[in-house]
Structure formats: structure tokens, C-alpha cells
Amino acid sequence: MHADEEQPDPIALQKAAEELGREWSTLRDWPARYKARKLGQVGRVVFYDFWDLSTIDAMKNLGLRILPTPEERDEWRWARKGLRFAAA
């Protein structure tokens, strides 16, 4: 992750599903299937990095192959972030 990139944003899968407009059942497999970045656990609730989950969602929406690691997805997201600002 780049030094000036956003900080991890902890979120439970249920809340992430709401934020992304997806069913919880869609997201429940992402941690195992795509190795989503796990940030911690409080009791039975596991928290993942919303930036990583939203990147997985974006790649799926674009029909792209999901990159295998959170670090590679960070790089992919970082590269596109520069494009958004350059186009403005």
C-alpha cells in the first residue's frame, strides 16, 4: 500500500454488502475465494478492509480477473486512482 493511500477501513461483511448494494450471501465467500484483507475480529464478527472488498466488487463489475492478493488489488486501485484525477 502506498504511504499516501487511504487507511484500511474496517467493516463487517453484512455492512459491506449493504454499502456495495449486494446480498450478504454474495460477499460471504469473498474472504476465502479472493483472500480479502482481514483486519480483525471482535467476538464472532470479523472485520475486513472495505477498500479491498470494494476493489473486488469493482473488478467483478468490470468483468476483470480478480487479482490474487490484497496487495496486488491495492496497486490496481492506486493506478486507477491516478487516472481519475488526471481526467478531471
C-alpha atoms as a PDB file:
ATOM      1  CA  MET A   1       0.000   0.000   0.000  1.00  0.00           C
ATOM      2  CA  HIS A   2       1.295   3.434  -0.844  1.00  0.00           C
ATOM      3  CA  ALA A   3       2.163   5.752   2.028  1.00  0.00           C
ATOM      4  CA  ASP A   4      -0.322   8.404   0.907  1.00  0.00           C
ATOM      5  CA  GLU A   5      -3.102   5.918   0.128  1.00  0.00           C
ATOM      6  CA  GLU A   6      -6.220   5.578   2.218  1.00  0.00           C
ATOM      7  CA  GLN A   7      -6.003   3.797   5.543  1.00  0.00           C
ATOM      8  CA  PRO A   8      -7.723   0.421   5.931  1.00  0.00           C
ATOM      9  CA  ASP A   9     -11.431   0.858   6.618  1.00  0.00           C
ATOM     10  CA  PRO A  10     -12.709  -1.955   8.882  1.00  0.00           C
ATOM     11  CA  ILE A  11     -16.170  -3.253   8.049  1.00  0.00           C
ATOM     12  CA  ALA A  12     -18.196  -6.386   8.747  1.00  0.00           C
ATOM     13  CA  LEU A  13     -19.405  -8.342   5.714  1.00  0.00           C
ATOM     14  CA  GLN A  14     -23.069  -7.595   6.412  1.00  0.00           C
ATOM     15  CA  LYS A  15     -22.436  -3.826   6.398  1.00  0.00           C
ATOM     16  CA  ALA A  16     -20.127  -4.105   3.369  1.00  0.00           C
ATOM     17  CA  ALA A  17     -22.875  -5.889   1.455  1.00  0.00           C
ATOM     18  CA  GLU A  18     -25.273  -3.042   2.261  1.00  0.00           C
ATOM     19  CA  GLU A  19     -22.712  -0.410   1.219  1.00  0.00           C
ATOM     20  CA  LEU A  20     -21.987  -2.199  -2.073  1.00  0.00           C
ATOM     21  CA  GLY A  21     -25.641  -2.911  -2.827  1.00  0.00           C
ATOM     22  CA  ARG A  22     -25.060  -6.673  -2.817  1.00  0.00           C
ATOM     23  CA  GLU A  23     -26.614  -9.573  -0.974  1.00  0.00           C
ATOM     24  CA  TRP A  24     -24.691 -10.742   2.075  1.00  0.00           C
ATOM     25  CA  SER A  25     -24.639 -14.238   0.581  1.00  0.00           C
ATOM     26  CA  THR A  26     -22.612 -12.857  -2.349  1.00  0.00           C
ATOM     27  CA  LEU A  27     -19.891 -11.421  -0.115  1.00  0.00           C
ATOM     28  CA  ARG A  28     -19.647 -14.267   2.382  1.00  0.00           C
ATOM     29  CA  ASP A  29     -17.400 -16.303   0.061  1.00  0.00           C
ATOM     30  CA  TRP A  30     -15.062 -13.466  -0.889  1.00  0.00           C
ATOM     31  CA  PRO A  31     -12.705 -13.782   2.123  1.00  0.00           C
ATOM     32  CA  ALA A  32     -11.904 -17.400   1.248  1.00  0.00           C
ATOM     33  CA  ARG A  33     -12.196 -17.150  -2.544  1.00  0.00           C
ATOM     34  CA  TYR A  34     -10.256 -13.894  -3.014  1.00  0.00           C
ATOM     35  CA  LYS A  35      -8.281 -13.745   0.246  1.00  0.00           C
ATOM     36  CA  ALA A  36      -9.861 -10.427   1.239  1.00  0.00           C
ATOM     37  CA  ARG A  37      -7.794  -8.462   3.747  1.00  0.00           C
ATOM     38  CA  LYS A  38      -8.891  -9.401   7.261  1.00  0.00           C
ATOM     39  CA  LEU A  39      -8.310  -6.648   9.808  1.00  0.00           C
ATOM     40  CA  GLY A  40      -9.503  -8.283  12.996  1.00  0.00           C
ATOM     41  CA  GLN A  41     -12.266  -9.903  14.934  1.00  0.00           C
ATOM     42  CA  VAL A  42     -14.464  -8.844  17.852  1.00  0.00           C
ATOM     43  CA  GLY A  43     -16.336 -11.797  19.276  1.00  0.00           C
ATOM     44  CA  ARG A  44     -17.853 -13.600  16.320  1.00  0.00           C
ATOM     45  CA  VAL A  45     -17.787 -10.575  13.996  1.00  0.00           C
ATOM     46  CA  VAL A  46     -14.866 -10.487  11.557  1.00  0.00           C
ATOM     47  CA  PHE A  47     -13.809  -7.154  10.079  1.00  0.00           C
ATOM     48  CA  TYR A  48     -12.374  -6.804   6.581  1.00  0.00           C
ATOM     49  CA  ASP A  49     -10.883  -3.850   4.740  1.00  0.00           C
ATOM     50  CA  PHE A  50     -13.698  -2.107   2.878  1.00  0.00           C
ATOM     51  CA  TRP A  51     -11.231  -0.777   0.272  1.00  0.00           C
ATOM     52  CA  ASP A  52     -10.215  -4.332  -0.601  1.00  0.00           C
ATOM     53  CA  LEU A  53     -13.821  -5.570  -0.729  1.00  0.00           C
ATOM     54  CA  SER A  54     -14.865  -2.618  -2.892  1.00  0.00           C
ATOM     55  CA  THR A  55     -11.942  -3.283  -5.242  1.00  0.00           C
ATOM     56  CA  ILE A  56     -13.012  -6.913  -5.609  1.00  0.00           C
ATOM     57  CA  ASP A  57     -16.530  -5.663  -6.351  1.00  0.00           C
ATOM     58  CA  ALA A  58     -15.247  -3.180  -8.943  1.00  0.00           C
ATOM     59  CA  MET A  59     -13.147  -5.815 -10.702  1.00  0.00           C
ATOM     60  CA  LYS A  60     -16.150  -8.168 -10.803  1.00  0.00           C
ATOM     61  CA  ASN A  61     -18.372  -5.388 -12.195  1.00  0.00           C
ATOM     62  CA  LEU A  62     -15.796  -4.648 -14.897  1.00  0.00           C
ATOM     63  CA  GLY A  63     -15.532  -8.341 -15.821  1.00  0.00           C
ATOM     64  CA  LEU A  64     -11.865  -8.470 -14.853  1.00  0.00           C
ATOM     65  CA  ARG A  65      -9.953 -11.349 -13.316  1.00  0.00           C
ATOM     66  CA  ILE A  66      -9.752 -10.763  -9.565  1.00  0.00           C
ATOM     67  CA  LEU A  67      -6.128 -10.252  -8.597  1.00  0.00           C
ATOM     68  CA  PRO A  68      -4.998 -12.908  -6.093  1.00  0.00           C
ATOM     69  CA  THR A  69      -3.689 -10.756  -3.235  1.00  0.00           C
ATOM     70  CA  PRO A  70      -4.856  -7.637  -1.393  1.00  0.00           C
ATOM     71  CA  GLU A  71      -1.503  -6.004  -2.197  1.00  0.00           C
ATOM     72  CA  GLU A  72      -1.979  -6.509  -5.943  1.00  0.00           C
ATOM     73  CA  ARG A  73      -5.508  -5.130  -5.677  1.00  0.00           C
ATOM     74  CA  ASP A  74      -4.113  -2.117  -3.783  1.00  0.00           C
ATOM     75  CA  GLU A  75      -1.720  -1.468  -6.681  1.00  0.00           C
ATOM     76  CA  TRP A  76      -4.531  -1.860  -9.227  1.00  0.00           C
ATOM     77  CA  ARG A  77      -6.741   0.552  -7.287  1.00  0.00           C
ATOM     78  CA  TRP A  78      -3.859   3.005  -6.839  1.00  0.00           C
ATOM     79  CA  ALA A  79      -3.149   3.029 -10.585  1.00  0.00           C
ATOM     80  CA  ARG A  80      -6.789   3.807 -11.384  1.00  0.00           C
ATOM     81  CA  LYS A  81      -6.979   6.498  -8.726  1.00  0.00           C
ATOM     82  CA  GLY A  82      -4.345   8.465 -10.615  1.00  0.00           C
ATOM     83  CA  LEU A  83      -6.378   8.166 -13.812  1.00  0.00           C
ATOM     84  CA  ARG A  84      -9.466   9.661 -12.160  1.00  0.00           C
ATOM     85  CA  PHE A  85      -7.544  12.722 -11.046  1.00  0.00           C
ATOM     86  CA  ALA A  86      -5.711  13.109 -14.361  1.00  0.00           C
ATOM     87  CA  ALA A  87      -9.015  13.156 -16.265  1.00  0.00           C
ATOM     88  CA  ALA A  88     -10.517  15.873 -14.084  1.00  0.00           C
END
